[in-house]
PDB file of N, CA and C in Angstrom:
ATOM      1  N   MET A   1     118.782 -93.357  -2.147  1.00  0.00           N
ATOM      2  CA  MET A   1     118.751 -92.674  -3.382  1.00  0.00           C
ATOM      3  C   MET A   1     116.950 -91.777  -3.340  1.00  0.00           C
ATOM      4  N   SER A   2     116.851 -91.285  -3.319  1.00  0.00           N
ATOM      5  CA  SER A   2     115.429 -90.901  -3.377  1.00  0.00           C
ATOM      6  C   SER A   2     114.881 -91.291  -4.783  1.00  0.00           C
ATOM      7  N   SER A   3     113.894 -91.969  -4.990  1.00  0.00           N
ATOM      8  CA  SER A   3     112.868 -92.298  -5.541  1.00  0.00           C
ATOM      9  C   SER A   3     112.657 -91.162  -6.917  1.00  0.00           C
ATOM     10  N   LEU A   4     112.229 -89.698  -6.586  1.00  0.00           N
ATOM     11  CA  LEU A   4     112.888 -88.526  -7.334  1.00  0.00           C
ATOM     12  C   LEU A   4     113.912 -88.273  -8.179  1.00  0.00           C
ATOM     13  N   ILE A   5     114.864 -88.514  -7.592  1.00  0.00           N
ATOM     14  CA  ILE A   5     116.215 -87.970  -8.188  1.00  0.00           C
ATOM     15  C   ILE A   5     116.727 -89.521  -8.837  1.00  0.00           C
ATOM     16  N   GLU A   6     115.525 -90.843  -9.066  1.00  0.00           N
ATOM     17  CA  GLU A   6     116.220 -91.718  -9.598  1.00  0.00           C
ATOM     18  C   GLU A   6     115.437 -91.614 -11.256  1.00  0.00           C
ATOM     19  N   LEU A   7     113.829 -90.843 -10.655  1.00  0.00           N
ATOM     20  CA  LEU A   7     112.561 -90.652 -12.150  1.00  0.00           C
ATOM     21  C   LEU A   7     113.948 -89.553 -12.912  1.00  0.00           C
ATOM     22  N   ALA A   8     114.422 -88.586 -11.690  1.00  0.00           N
ATOM     23  CA  ALA A   8     115.277 -87.633 -12.742  1.00  0.00           C
ATOM     24  C   ALA A   8     115.992 -87.794 -13.376  1.00  0.00           C
ATOM     25  N   GLU A   9     117.413 -88.776 -13.145  1.00  0.00           N
ATOM     26  CA  GLU A   9     117.934 -89.513 -13.961  1.00  0.00           C
ATOM     27  C   GLU A   9     117.729 -90.422 -15.102  1.00  0.00           C
ATOM     28  N   ARG A  10     116.564 -90.761 -15.022  1.00  0.00           N
ATOM     29  CA  ARG A  10     115.912 -91.274 -16.424  1.00  0.00           C
ATOM     30  C   ARG A  10     115.549 -90.342 -17.405  1.00  0.00           C
ATOM     31  N   ILE A  11     114.654 -89.169 -16.511  1.00  0.00           N
ATOM     32  CA  ILE A  11     114.216 -88.378 -17.625  1.00  0.00           C
ATOM     33  C   ILE A  11     115.634 -87.694 -18.439  1.00  0.00           C
ATOM     34  N   GLU A  12     116.726 -87.593 -17.786  1.00  0.00           N
ATOM     35  CA  GLU A  12     117.936 -86.865 -17.957  1.00  0.00           C
ATOM     36  C   GLU A  12     118.223 -87.585 -19.500  1.00  0.00           C
ATOM     37  N   SER A  13     118.061 -88.902 -18.899  1.00  0.00           N
ATOM     38  CA  SER A  13     118.633 -90.116 -19.953  1.00  0.00           C
ATOM     39  C   SER A  13     117.739 -90.539 -21.355  1.00  0.00           C
ATOM     40  N   ALA A  14     116.700 -89.909 -21.341  1.00  0.00           N
ATOM     41  CA  ALA A  14     115.695 -90.108 -22.155  1.00  0.00           C
ATOM     42  C   ALA A  14     116.347 -89.550 -23.690  1.00  0.00           C
ATOM     43  N   ALA A  15     115.421 -89.830 -24.811  1.00  0.00           N
ATOM     44  CA  ALA A  15     115.798 -89.517 -25.652  1.00  0.00           C
ATOM     45  C   ALA A  15     114.164 -88.052 -26.735  1.00  0.00           C
ATOM     46  N   GLY A  16     113.931 -88.515 -25.796  1.00  0.00           N
ATOM     47  CA  GLY A  16     112.158 -87.128 -26.472  1.00  0.00           C
ATOM     48  C   GLY A  16     111.153 -87.703 -25.218  1.00  0.00           C
ATOM     49  N   PRO A  17     110.247 -86.785 -25.652  1.00  0.00           N
ATOM     50  CA  PRO A  17     108.770 -86.968 -25.135  1.00  0.00           C
ATOM     51  C   PRO A  17     108.753 -88.462 -24.726  1.00  0.00           C
ATOM     52  N   ASP A  18     107.931 -89.362 -23.590  1.00  0.00           N
ATOM     53  CA  ASP A  18     108.030 -90.452 -23.623  1.00  0.00           C
ATOM     54  C   ASP A  18     106.970 -90.791 -22.228  1.00  0.00           C
ATOM     55  N   ARG A  19     105.477 -91.188 -22.949  1.00  0.00           N
ATOM     56  CA  ARG A  19     104.259 -91.015 -22.176  1.00  0.00           C
ATOM     57  C   ARG A  19     104.476 -92.121 -20.779  1.00  0.00           C
ATOM     58  N   GLN A  20     105.253 -92.899 -20.862  1.00  0.00           N
ATOM     59  CA  GLN A  20     105.647 -93.822 -19.597  1.00  0.00           C
ATOM     60  C   GLN A  20     106.286 -92.700 -18.566  1.00  0.00           C
ATOM     61  N   LEU A  21     107.350 -92.144 -18.783  1.00  0.00           N
ATOM     62  CA  LEU A  21     107.533 -91.109 -18.380  1.00  0.00           C
ATOM     63  C   LEU A  21     106.815 -90.236 -17.715  1.00  0.00           C
ATOM     64  N   ASP A  22     105.841 -89.206 -18.050  1.00  0.00           N
ATOM     65  CA  ASP A  22     104.781 -88.875 -18.204  1.00  0.00           C
ATOM     66  C   ASP A  22     103.635 -89.451 -16.863  1.00  0.00           C
ATOM     67  N   ASP A  23     103.773 -90.788 -16.905  1.00  0.00           N
ATOM     68  CA  ASP A  23     102.501 -91.237 -15.681  1.00  0.00           C
ATOM     69  C   ASP A  23     103.517 -91.498 -14.695  1.00  0.00           C
ATOM     70  N   ALA A  24     104.849 -91.693 -15.268  1.00  0.00           N
ATOM     71  CA  ALA A  24     105.865 -91.731 -13.409  1.00  0.00           C
ATOM     72  C   ALA A  24     105.871 -90.985 -12.674  1.00  0.00           C
ATOM     73  N   ILE A  25     105.891 -89.609 -13.390  1.00  0.00           N
ATOM     74  CA  ILE A  25     106.024 -88.101 -12.951  1.00  0.00           C
ATOM     75  C   ILE A  25     104.798 -87.835 -12.451  1.00  0.00           C
ATOM     76  N   TRP A  26     103.258 -88.096 -13.203  1.00  0.00           N
ATOM     77  CA  TRP A  26     102.304 -88.116 -12.163  1.00  0.00           C
ATOM     78  C   TRP A  26     101.745 -89.117 -11.087  1.00  0.00           C
ATOM     79  N   LEU A  27     102.504 -89.846 -11.432  1.00  0.00           N
ATOM     80  CA  LEU A  27     102.147 -90.975 -10.260  1.00  0.00           C
ATOM     81  C   LEU A  27     102.726 -89.977  -8.894  1.00  0.00           C
ATOM     82  N   ALA A  28     104.218 -89.850  -9.268  1.00  0.00           N
ATOM     83  CA  ALA A  28     105.417 -89.765  -7.887  1.00  0.00           C
ATOM     84  C   ALA A  28     104.673 -87.667  -7.138  1.00  0.00           C
ATOM     85  N   GLU A  29     103.840 -87.208  -8.573  1.00  0.00           N
ATOM     86  CA  GLU A  29     103.307 -85.893  -7.764  1.00  0.00           C
ATOM     87  C   GLU A  29     102.232 -86.426  -6.884  1.00  0.00           C
ATOM     88  N   ASN A  30     101.197 -87.447  -7.585  1.00  0.00           N
ATOM     89  CA  ASN A  30     100.227 -87.402  -6.626  1.00  0.00           C
ATOM     90  C   ASN A  30     100.283 -88.157  -5.556  1.00  0.00           C
ATOM     91  N   ARG A  31     101.629 -88.963  -5.667  1.00  0.00           N
ATOM     92  CA  ARG A  31     102.016 -89.662  -3.886  1.00  0.00           C
ATOM     93  C   ARG A  31     102.601 -88.512  -3.270  1.00  0.00           C
ATOM     94  N   ALA A  32     103.035 -87.451  -3.540  1.00  0.00           N
ATOM     95  CA  ALA A  32     103.793 -86.584  -3.002  1.00  0.00           C
ATOM     96  C   ALA A  32     102.312 -85.303  -2.196  1.00  0.00           C
ATOM     97  N   GLY A  33     100.968 -85.748  -2.076  1.00  0.00           N
ATOM     98  CA  GLY A  33     100.236 -85.062  -1.731  1.00  0.00           C
ATOM     99  C   GLY A  33      99.300 -84.479  -2.621  1.00  0.00           C
ATOM    100  N   ARG A  34      99.380 -84.867  -4.209  1.00  0.00           N
ATOM    101  CA  ARG A  34      98.436 -83.615  -4.956  1.00  0.00           C
ATOM    102  C   ARG A  34      97.784 -84.281  -5.429  1.00  0.00           C
ATOM    103  N   GLY A  35      97.254 -85.465  -4.897  1.00  0.00           N
ATOM    104  CA  GLY A  35      96.185 -86.120  -5.872  1.00  0.00           C
ATOM    105  C   GLY A  35      95.549 -86.593  -4.472  1.00  0.00           C
ATOM    106  N   SER A  36      94.458 -87.740  -4.668  1.00  0.00           N
ATOM    107  CA  SER A  36      93.672 -88.247  -3.359  1.00  0.00           C
ATOM    108  C   SER A  36      94.105 -89.905  -3.576  1.00  0.00           C
ATOM    109  N   GLU A  37      94.775 -89.915  -2.272  1.00  0.00           N
ATOM    110  CA  GLU A  37      95.167 -91.405  -2.054  1.00  0.00           C
ATOM    111  C   GLU A  37      94.625 -91.945  -0.905  1.00  0.00           C
ATOM    112  N   ARG A  38      94.145 -93.305  -1.113  1.00  0.00           N
ATOM    113  CA  ARG A  38      93.408 -93.647  -0.191  1.00  0.00           C
ATOM    114  C   ARG A  38      94.370 -94.874   0.197  1.00  0.00           C
ATOM    115  N   GLY A  39      94.600 -95.217   1.506  1.00  0.00           N
ATOM    116  CA  GLY A  39      95.353 -97.167   1.738  1.00  0.00           C
ATOM    117  C   GLY A  39      96.236 -97.069   0.849  1.00  0.00           C
ATOM    118  N   GLY A  40      97.126 -96.144   0.402  1.00  0.00           N
ATOM    119  CA  GLY A  40      98.000 -96.940  -1.015  1.00  0.00           C
ATOM    120  C   GLY A  40      97.618 -96.758  -1.922  1.00  0.00           C
ATOM    121  N   TRP A  41      96.415 -96.631  -2.351  1.00  0.00           N
ATOM    122  CA  TRP A  41      96.260 -96.610  -3.572  1.00  0.00           C
ATOM    123  C   TRP A  41      95.558 -95.149  -4.262  1.00  0.00           C
ATOM    124  N   LEU A  42      96.121 -94.816  -5.561  1.00  0.00           N
ATOM    125  CA  LEU A  42      95.143 -93.750  -6.061  1.00  0.00           C
ATOM    126  C   LEU A  42      94.233 -93.673  -6.556  1.00  0.00           C
ATOM    127  N   TYR A  43      92.800 -93.144  -6.541  1.00  0.00           N
ATOM    128  CA  TYR A  43      92.021 -92.944  -6.788  1.00  0.00           C
ATOM    129  C   TYR A  43      91.645 -91.834  -7.995  1.00  0.00           C
ATOM    130  N   ASP A  44      90.784 -91.754  -9.137  1.00  0.00           N
ATOM    131  CA  ASP A  44      90.168 -90.706  -9.461  1.00  0.00           C
ATOM    132  C   ASP A  44      91.345 -89.986 -10.475  1.00  0.00           C
ATOM    133  N   LEU A  45      92.352 -90.554 -10.624  1.00  0.00           N
ATOM    134  CA  LEU A  45      93.639 -89.450 -11.230  1.00  0.00           C
ATOM    135  C   LEU A  45      93.176 -89.413 -12.821  1.00  0.00           C
ATOM    136  N   GLU A  46      93.599 -88.320 -13.100  1.00  0.00           N
ATOM    137  CA  GLU A  46      92.865 -88.000 -14.723  1.00  0.00           C
ATOM    138  C   GLU A  46      94.360 -87.996 -15.564  1.00  0.00           C
ATOM    139  N   PRO A  47      93.953 -88.823 -16.664  1.00  0.00           N
ATOM    140  CA  PRO A  47      95.525 -88.696 -17.464  1.00  0.00           C
ATOM    141  C   PRO A  47      96.847 -88.189 -17.322  1.00  0.00           C
ATOM    142  N   ALA A  48      97.173 -88.425 -17.422  1.00  0.00           N
ATOM    143  CA  ALA A  48      98.961 -87.690 -17.070  1.00  0.00           C
ATOM    144  C   ALA A  48      99.302 -86.740 -17.996  1.00  0.00           C
ATOM    145  N   PRO A  49      99.562 -85.555 -17.940  1.00  0.00           N
ATOM    146  CA  PRO A  49      99.575 -84.572 -19.015  1.00  0.00           C
ATOM    147  C   PRO A  49     101.061 -84.675 -19.190  1.00  0.00           C
ATOM    148  N   GLY A  50     101.399 -83.784 -20.881  1.00  0.00           N
ATOM    149  CA  GLY A  50     102.096 -84.488 -21.367  1.00  0.00           C
ATOM    150  C   GLY A  50     103.602 -83.416 -21.114  1.00  0.00           C
ATOM    151  N   TYR A  51     103.872 -84.100 -20.070  1.00  0.00           N
ATOM    152  CA  TYR A  51     105.136 -83.326 -19.277  1.00  0.00           C
ATOM    153  C   TYR A  51     106.481 -83.066 -20.004  1.00  0.00           C
ATOM    154  N   THR A  52     106.392 -84.383 -20.695  1.00  0.00           N
ATOM    155  CA  THR A  52     107.816 -84.887 -21.099  1.00  0.00           C
ATOM    156  C   THR A  52     107.739 -84.158 -22.762  1.00  0.00           C
ATOM    157  N   ALA A  53     106.769 -83.800 -23.552  1.00  0.00           N
ATOM    158  CA  ALA A  53     106.833 -83.085 -24.468  1.00  0.00           C
ATOM    159  C   ALA A  53     106.007 -81.538 -24.566  1.00  0.00           C
ATOM    160  N   SER A  54     105.968 -81.220 -23.642  1.00  0.00           N
ATOM    161  CA  SER A  54     105.928 -79.374 -22.969  1.00  0.00           C
ATOM    162  C   SER A  54     105.932 -78.926 -21.865  1.00  0.00           C
ATOM    163  N   ILE A  55     106.459 -77.796 -22.600  1.00  0.00           N
ATOM    164  CA  ILE A  55     107.373 -76.592 -21.726  1.00  0.00           C
ATOM    165  C   ILE A  55     106.691 -76.045 -21.082  1.00  0.00           C
ATOM    166  N   ASP A  56     105.037 -75.693 -21.265  1.00  0.00           N
ATOM    167  CA  ASP A  56     103.915 -75.210 -20.532  1.00  0.00           C
ATOM    168  C   ASP A  56     103.638 -76.756 -19.297  1.00  0.00           C
ATOM    169  N   ALA A  57     103.359 -77.829 -19.449  1.00  0.00           N
ATOM    170  CA  ALA A  57     103.169 -78.493 -18.694  1.00  0.00           C
ATOM    171  C   ALA A  57     104.408 -78.478 -17.626  1.00  0.00           C
ATOM    172  N   ALA A  58     105.530 -79.040 -18.212  1.00  0.00           N
ATOM    173  CA  ALA A  58     106.877 -79.213 -17.441  1.00  0.00           C
ATOM    174  C   ALA A  58     107.004 -77.874 -16.423  1.00  0.00           C
ATOM    175  N   MET A  59     106.579 -76.778 -16.788  1.00  0.00           N
ATOM    176  CA  MET A  59     106.772 -75.599 -15.980  1.00  0.00           C
ATOM    177  C   MET A  59     106.028 -75.543 -14.466  1.00  0.00           C
ATOM    178  N   THR A  60     104.375 -76.378 -14.822  1.00  0.00           N
ATOM    179  CA  THR A  60     103.838 -76.787 -13.548  1.00  0.00           C
ATOM    180  C   THR A  60     104.067 -77.341 -12.643  1.00  0.00           C
ATOM    181  N   LEU A  61     105.342 -78.206 -12.873  1.00  0.00           N
ATOM    182  CA  LEU A  61     106.298 -79.472 -12.240  1.00  0.00           C
ATOM    183  C   LEU A  61     107.056 -78.421 -10.980  1.00  0.00           C
ATOM    184  N   LEU A  62     107.542 -77.283 -11.247  1.00  0.00           N
ATOM    185  CA  LEU A  62     108.505 -76.665 -10.949  1.00  0.00           C
ATOM    186  C   LEU A  62     108.094 -75.779  -9.222  1.00  0.00           C
ATOM    187  N   PRO A  63     108.569 -76.130  -8.351  1.00  0.00           N
ATOM    188  CA  PRO A  63     108.240 -75.673  -7.090  1.00  0.00           C
ATOM    189  C   PRO A  63     108.077 -74.057  -6.868  1.00  0.00           C
ATOM    190  N   ILE A  64     107.687 -73.559  -5.988  1.00  0.00           N
ATOM    191  CA  ILE A  64     107.243 -72.052  -6.187  1.00  0.00           C
ATOM    192  C   ILE A  64     108.278 -71.480  -5.796  1.00  0.00           C
ATOM    193  N   TRP A  65     109.551 -71.817  -5.081  1.00  0.00           N
ATOM    194  CA  TRP A  65     110.703 -71.694  -4.659  1.00  0.00           C
ATOM    195  C   TRP A  65     111.234 -71.822  -5.812  1.00  0.00           C
ATOM    196  N   CYS A  66     111.360 -72.363  -6.749  1.00  0.00           N
ATOM    197  CA  CYS A  66     112.421 -72.929  -7.659  1.00  0.00           C
ATOM    198  C   CYS A  66     112.421 -71.885  -8.788  1.00  0.00           C
ATOM    199  N   GLY A  67     113.855 -71.994  -9.296  1.00  0.00           N
ATOM    200  CA  GLY A  67     113.274 -71.069 -11.003  1.00  0.00           C
ATOM    201  C   GLY A  67     114.553 -71.357 -11.567  1.00  0.00           C
ATOM    202  N   ILE A  68     114.744 -71.018 -12.925  1.00  0.00           N
ATOM    203  CA  ILE A  68     115.534 -71.106 -13.839  1.00  0.00           C
ATOM    204  C   ILE A  68     116.509 -70.524 -13.847  1.00  0.00           C
ATOM    205  N   VAL A  69     117.809 -70.436 -13.861  1.00  0.00           N
ATOM    206  CA  VAL A  69     118.849 -69.231 -14.061  1.00  0.00           C
ATOM    207  C   VAL A  69     118.898 -68.647 -15.248  1.00  0.00           C
ATOM    208  N   ARG A  70     119.195 -70.087 -15.731  1.00  0.00           N
ATOM    209  CA  ARG A  70     119.729 -69.775 -17.404  1.00  0.00           C
ATOM    210  C   ARG A  70     119.236 -70.793 -17.878  1.00  0.00           C
ATOM    211  N   TRP A  71     119.391 -70.743 -19.578  1.00  0.00           N
ATOM    212  CA  TRP A  71     118.930 -71.918 -20.193  1.00  0.00           C
ATOM    213  C   TRP A  71     119.445 -72.248 -21.416  1.00  0.00           C
ATOM    214  N   LYS A  72     120.057 -73.101 -21.724  1.00  0.00           N
ATOM    215  CA  LYS A  72     121.038 -73.042 -23.246  1.00  0.00           C
ATOM    216  C   LYS A  72     119.905 -73.691 -24.090  1.00  0.00           C
ATOM    217  N   ILE A  73     119.752 -73.093 -25.421  1.00  0.00           N
ATOM    218  CA  ILE A  73     118.999 -74.342 -26.088  1.00  0.00           C
ATOM    219  C   ILE A  73     119.643 -73.892 -27.478  1.00  0.00           C
ATOM    220  N   TRP A  74     120.270 -75.432 -27.901  1.00  0.00           N
ATOM    221  CA  TRP A  74     121.219 -74.779 -29.579  1.00  0.00           C
ATOM    222  C   TRP A  74     120.067 -76.030 -30.516  1.00  0.00           C
ATOM    223  N   PRO A  75     120.350 -75.760 -31.743  1.00  0.00           N
ATOM    224  CA  PRO A  75     119.892 -77.057 -31.949  1.00  0.00           C
ATOM    225  C   PRO A  75     120.689 -78.202 -32.655  1.00  0.00           C
ATOM    226  N   ASP A  76     120.924 -79.113 -32.255  1.00  0.00           N
ATOM    227  CA  ASP A  76     121.404 -80.550 -32.492  1.00  0.00           C
ATOM    228  C   ASP A  76     121.834 -80.136 -31.169  1.00  0.00           C
ATOM    229  N   GLU A  77     122.115 -79.818 -30.330  1.00  0.00           N
ATOM    230  CA  GLU A  77     122.615 -80.121 -28.744  1.00  0.00           C
ATOM    231  C   GLU A  77     122.047 -80.548 -27.463  1.00  0.00           C
ATOM    232  N   PRO A  78     121.801 -81.047 -26.633  1.00  0.00           N
ATOM    233  CA  PRO A  78     121.249 -81.381 -25.368  1.00  0.00           C
ATOM    234  C   PRO A  78     120.967 -80.003 -25.188  1.00  0.00           C
ATOM    235  N   SER A  79     119.946 -79.699 -24.148  1.00  0.00           N
ATOM    236  CA  SER A  79     119.525 -78.248 -23.768  1.00  0.00           C
ATOM    237  C   SER A  79     120.000 -78.396 -22.153  1.00  0.00           C
ATOM    238  N   THR A  80     120.236 -77.202 -21.408  1.00  0.00           N
ATOM    239  CA  THR A  80     120.698 -77.131 -20.534  1.00  0.00           C
ATOM    240  C   THR A  80     120.044 -75.978 -19.773  1.00  0.00           C
ATOM    241  N   LEU A  81     119.652 -76.138 -18.259  1.00  0.00           N
ATOM    242  CA  LEU A  81     119.645 -75.088 -17.739  1.00  0.00           C
ATOM    243  C   LEU A  81     120.145 -74.975 -16.383  1.00  0.00           C
ATOM    244  N   ASP A  82     120.612 -74.420 -15.343  1.00  0.00           N
ATOM    245  CA  ASP A  82     120.490 -73.978 -14.111  1.00  0.00           C
ATOM    246  C   ASP A  82     119.554 -73.591 -13.279  1.00  0.00           C
ATOM    247  N   LEU A  83     118.953 -74.552 -12.108  1.00  0.00           N
ATOM    248  CA  LEU A  83     118.106 -74.383 -11.321  1.00  0.00           C
ATOM    249  C   LEU A  83     118.683 -74.172  -9.968  1.00  0.00           C
ATOM    250  N   TYR A  84     117.895 -72.648  -9.292  1.00  0.00           N
ATOM    251  CA  TYR A  84     118.469 -72.233  -8.235  1.00  0.00           C
ATOM    252  C   TYR A  84     116.823 -72.615  -7.127  1.00  0.00           C
ATOM    253  N   LYS A  85     117.209 -71.999  -5.877  1.00  0.00           N
ATOM    254  CA  LYS A  85     116.257 -72.125  -4.918  1.00  0.00           C
ATOM    255  C   LYS A  85     116.419 -70.556  -4.373  1.00  0.00           C
ATOM    256  N   VAL A  86     115.115 -69.670  -4.481  1.00  0.00           N
ATOM    257  CA  VAL A  86     114.389 -68.681  -3.866  1.00  0.00           C
ATOM    258  C   VAL A  86     115.320 -68.556  -2.653  1.00  0.00           C
ATOM    259  N   LEU A  87     115.695 -67.619  -1.982  1.00  0.00           N
ATOM    260  CA  LEU A  87     116.676 -67.679  -0.518  1.00  0.00           C
ATOM    261  C   LEU A  87     116.226 -65.997  -0.382  1.00  0.00           C
ATOM    262  N   ARG A  88     115.886 -66.246   1.143  1.00  0.00           N
ATOM    263  CA  ARG A  88     115.796 -64.623   1.829  1.00  0.00           C
ATOM    264  C   ARG A  88     117.780 -64.120   2.111  1.00  0.00           C
ATOM    265  N   GLY A  89     117.581 -62.982   2.166  1.00  0.00           N
ATOM    266  CA  GLY A  89     118.663 -62.978   2.003  1.00  0.00           C
ATOM    267  C   GLY A  89     119.820 -62.052   1.116  1.00  0.00           C
ATOM    268  N   PRO A  90     121.382 -61.454   1.342  1.00  0.00           N
ATOM    269  CA  PRO A  90     121.915 -60.687   0.517  1.00  0.00           C
ATOM    270  C   PRO A  90     122.170 -61.571  -0.713  1.00  0.00           C
ATOM    271  N   SER A  91     122.019 -63.243  -0.963  1.00  0.00           N
ATOM    272  CA  SER A  91     122.609 -63.342  -2.028  1.00  0.00           C
ATOM    273  C   SER A  91     121.043 -63.738  -2.834  1.00  0.00           C
ATOM    274  N   GLY A  92     119.663 -63.682  -2.273  1.00  0.00           N
ATOM    275  CA  GLY A  92     118.836 -63.946  -3.394  1.00  0.00           C
ATOM    276  C   GLY A  92     118.394 -65.739  -4.109  1.00  0.00           C
ATOM    277  N   PHE A  93     119.360 -66.206  -4.049  1.00  0.00           N
ATOM    278  CA  PHE A  93     118.960 -67.508  -4.209  1.00  0.00           C
ATOM    279  C   PHE A  93     120.507 -68.389  -4.425  1.00  0.00           C
ATOM    280  N   LEU A  94     120.515 -70.007  -4.099  1.00  0.00           N
ATOM    281  CA  LEU A  94     121.278 -70.917  -4.538  1.00  0.00           C
ATOM    282  C   LEU A  94     120.839 -71.373  -5.647  1.00  0.00           C
ATOM    283  N   LEU A  95     122.340 -71.451  -6.245  1.00  0.00           N
ATOM    284  CA  LEU A  95     122.465 -72.241  -7.439  1.00  0.00           C
ATOM    285  C   LEU A  95     122.067 -74.095  -6.948  1.00  0.00           C
ATOM    286  N   LEU A  96     121.475 -74.729  -7.480  1.00  0.00           N
ATOM    287  CA  LEU A  96     120.770 -76.260  -6.634  1.00  0.00           C
ATOM    288  C   LEU A  96     121.655 -77.201  -7.824  1.00  0.00           C
ATOM    289  N   ASP A  97     121.775 -77.010  -9.112  1.00  0.00           N
ATOM    290  CA  ASP A  97     121.762 -77.861 -10.292  1.00  0.00           C
ATOM    291  C   ASP A  97     122.296 -77.466 -11.733  1.00  0.00           C
ATOM    292  N   GLU A  98     122.955 -78.071 -12.555  1.00  0.00           N
ATOM    293  CA  GLU A  98     122.425 -78.123 -13.386  1.00  0.00           C
ATOM    294  C   GLU A  98     122.034 -78.780 -14.588  1.00  0.00           C
ATOM    295  N   ILE A  99     121.113 -78.866 -14.990  1.00  0.00           N
ATOM    296  CA  ILE A  99     120.663 -80.374 -15.388  1.00  0.00           C
ATOM    297  C   ILE A  99     120.794 -80.291 -17.142  1.00  0.00           C
ATOM    298  N   THR A 100     120.803 -81.067 -17.629  1.00  0.00           N
ATOM    299  CA  THR A 100     121.349 -81.598 -19.076  1.00  0.00           C
ATOM    300  C   THR A 100     120.098 -82.660 -19.476  1.00  0.00           C
ATOM    301  N   ALA A 101     119.541 -82.498 -20.582  1.00  0.00           N
ATOM    302  CA  ALA A 101     118.558 -83.302 -20.919  1.00  0.00           C
ATOM    303  C   ALA A 101     118.869 -83.363 -22.540  1.00  0.00           C
ATOM    304  N   ALA A 102     117.843 -84.109 -23.253  1.00  0.00           N
ATOM    305  CA  ALA A 102     117.897 -84.251 -24.370  1.00  0.00           C
ATOM    306  C   ALA A 102     116.484 -82.919 -24.984  1.00  0.00           C
ATOM    307  N   THR A 103     115.901 -82.625 -24.759  1.00  0.00           N
ATOM    308  CA  THR A 103     114.864 -81.111 -24.800  1.00  0.00           C
ATOM    309  C   THR A 103     114.435 -80.426 -23.823  1.00  0.00           C
ATOM    310  N   PRO A 104     114.077 -78.971 -23.561  1.00  0.00           N
ATOM    311  CA  PRO A 104     113.670 -78.174 -22.941  1.00  0.00           C
ATOM    312  C   PRO A 104     112.711 -78.759 -22.035  1.00  0.00           C
ATOM    313  N   ALA A 105     111.898 -79.268 -22.598  1.00  0.00           N
ATOM    314  CA  ALA A 105     110.197 -80.319 -21.615  1.00  0.00           C
ATOM    315  C   ALA A 105     111.233 -81.245 -20.386  1.00  0.00           C
ATOM    316  N   LEU A 106     112.406 -82.028 -20.779  1.00  0.00           N
ATOM    317  CA  LEU A 106     113.024 -82.931 -20.715  1.00  0.00           C
ATOM    318  C   LEU A 106     113.499 -82.331 -19.218  1.00  0.00           C
ATOM    319  N   ALA A 107     114.325 -81.400 -19.296  1.00  0.00           N
ATOM    320  CA  ALA A 107     115.452 -80.938 -18.676  1.00  0.00           C
ATOM    321  C   ALA A 107     114.581 -80.155 -17.866  1.00  0.00           C
ATOM    322  N   ILE A 108     113.508 -79.849 -17.942  1.00  0.00           N
ATOM    323  CA  ILE A 108     112.957 -78.919 -17.022  1.00  0.00           C
ATOM    324  C   ILE A 108     112.134 -79.757 -15.876  1.00  0.00           C
ATOM    325  N   CYS A 109     111.564 -81.153 -16.602  1.00  0.00           N
ATOM    326  CA  CYS A 109     110.685 -81.919 -15.505  1.00  0.00           C
ATOM    327  C   CYS A 109     111.966 -82.780 -14.772  1.00  0.00           C
ATOM    328  N   ALA A 110     113.072 -83.009 -15.176  1.00  0.00           N
ATOM    329  CA  ALA A 110     114.128 -83.373 -14.138  1.00  0.00           C
ATOM    330  C   ALA A 110     114.692 -82.501 -13.216  1.00  0.00           C
ATOM    331  N   ALA A 111     114.766 -81.061 -13.422  1.00  0.00           N
ATOM    332  CA  ALA A 111     115.099 -80.163 -12.483  1.00  0.00           C
ATOM    333  C   ALA A 111     113.610 -80.496 -11.624  1.00  0.00           C
ATOM    334  N   ALA A 112     112.623 -80.103 -11.689  1.00  0.00           N
ATOM    335  CA  ALA A 112     111.722 -79.843 -11.128  1.00  0.00           C
ATOM    336  C   ALA A 112     111.675 -81.213  -9.830  1.00  0.00           C
ATOM    337  N   LEU A 113     111.917 -82.587 -10.873  1.00  0.00           N
ATOM    338  CA  LEU A 113     112.277 -83.921  -9.632  1.00  0.00           C
ATOM    339  C   LEU A 113     113.446 -83.613  -9.029  1.00  0.00           C
ATOM    340  N   ARG A 114     114.303 -83.278  -9.149  1.00  0.00           N
ATOM    341  CA  ARG A 114     115.781 -83.124  -8.613  1.00  0.00           C
ATOM    342  C   ARG A 114     115.211 -82.153  -7.270  1.00  0.00           C
ATOM    343  N   SER A 115     115.030 -80.986  -7.770  1.00  0.00           N
ATOM    344  CA  SER A 115     114.249 -80.288  -6.741  1.00  0.00           C
ATOM    345  C   SER A 115     113.973 -80.506  -5.316  1.00  0.00           C
ATOM    346  N   ARG A 116     112.192 -80.821  -5.884  1.00  0.00           N
ATOM    347  CA  ARG A 116     112.041 -82.079  -4.816  1.00  0.00           C
ATOM    348  C   ARG A 116     112.637 -83.111  -4.012  1.00  0.00           C
ATOM    349  N   GLY A 117     113.557 -84.040  -4.846  1.00  0.00           N
ATOM    350  CA  GLY A 117     113.836 -84.890  -4.554  1.00  0.00           C
ATOM    351  C   GLY A 117     115.190 -84.604  -3.171  1.00  0.00           C
ATOM    352  N   GLU A 118     115.383 -82.905  -3.345  1.00  0.00           N
ATOM    353  CA  GLU A 118     116.512 -82.749  -2.668  1.00  0.00           C
ATOM    354  C   GLU A 118     115.685 -81.739  -1.355  1.00  0.00           C
ATOM    355  N   GLU A 119     114.503 -81.926  -0.915  1.00  0.00           N
ATOM    356  CA  GLU A 119     114.067 -80.996  -0.187  1.00  0.00           C
ATOM    357  C   GLU A 119     114.288 -81.563   1.014  1.00  0.00           C
TER     358      GLU A 119
END
């Protein structure tokens, strides 16, 4: 199993925003070529954004080819969203997964990591 998928599972089971998860996401993003890496060590990293607390920060994780088809947010219930992959052709998109997490930001983080882990 991909380490991104494992991290997505941790996020889906989180009860709320978590700075340790933010750090793990930031590290995964930078290891994927979005930061400076030399000899296996990461250097000059900024503090991790609050991905698990902020919808805006979480949305920056979604790949350009990925979007949200449907998003359910009800008080006192977990947030659920349907993730899709934009395709060329008559269908326009392919449903990738349904993600459920405690908050919208957590659901988006998990969706983004799952989409990258399935690439």
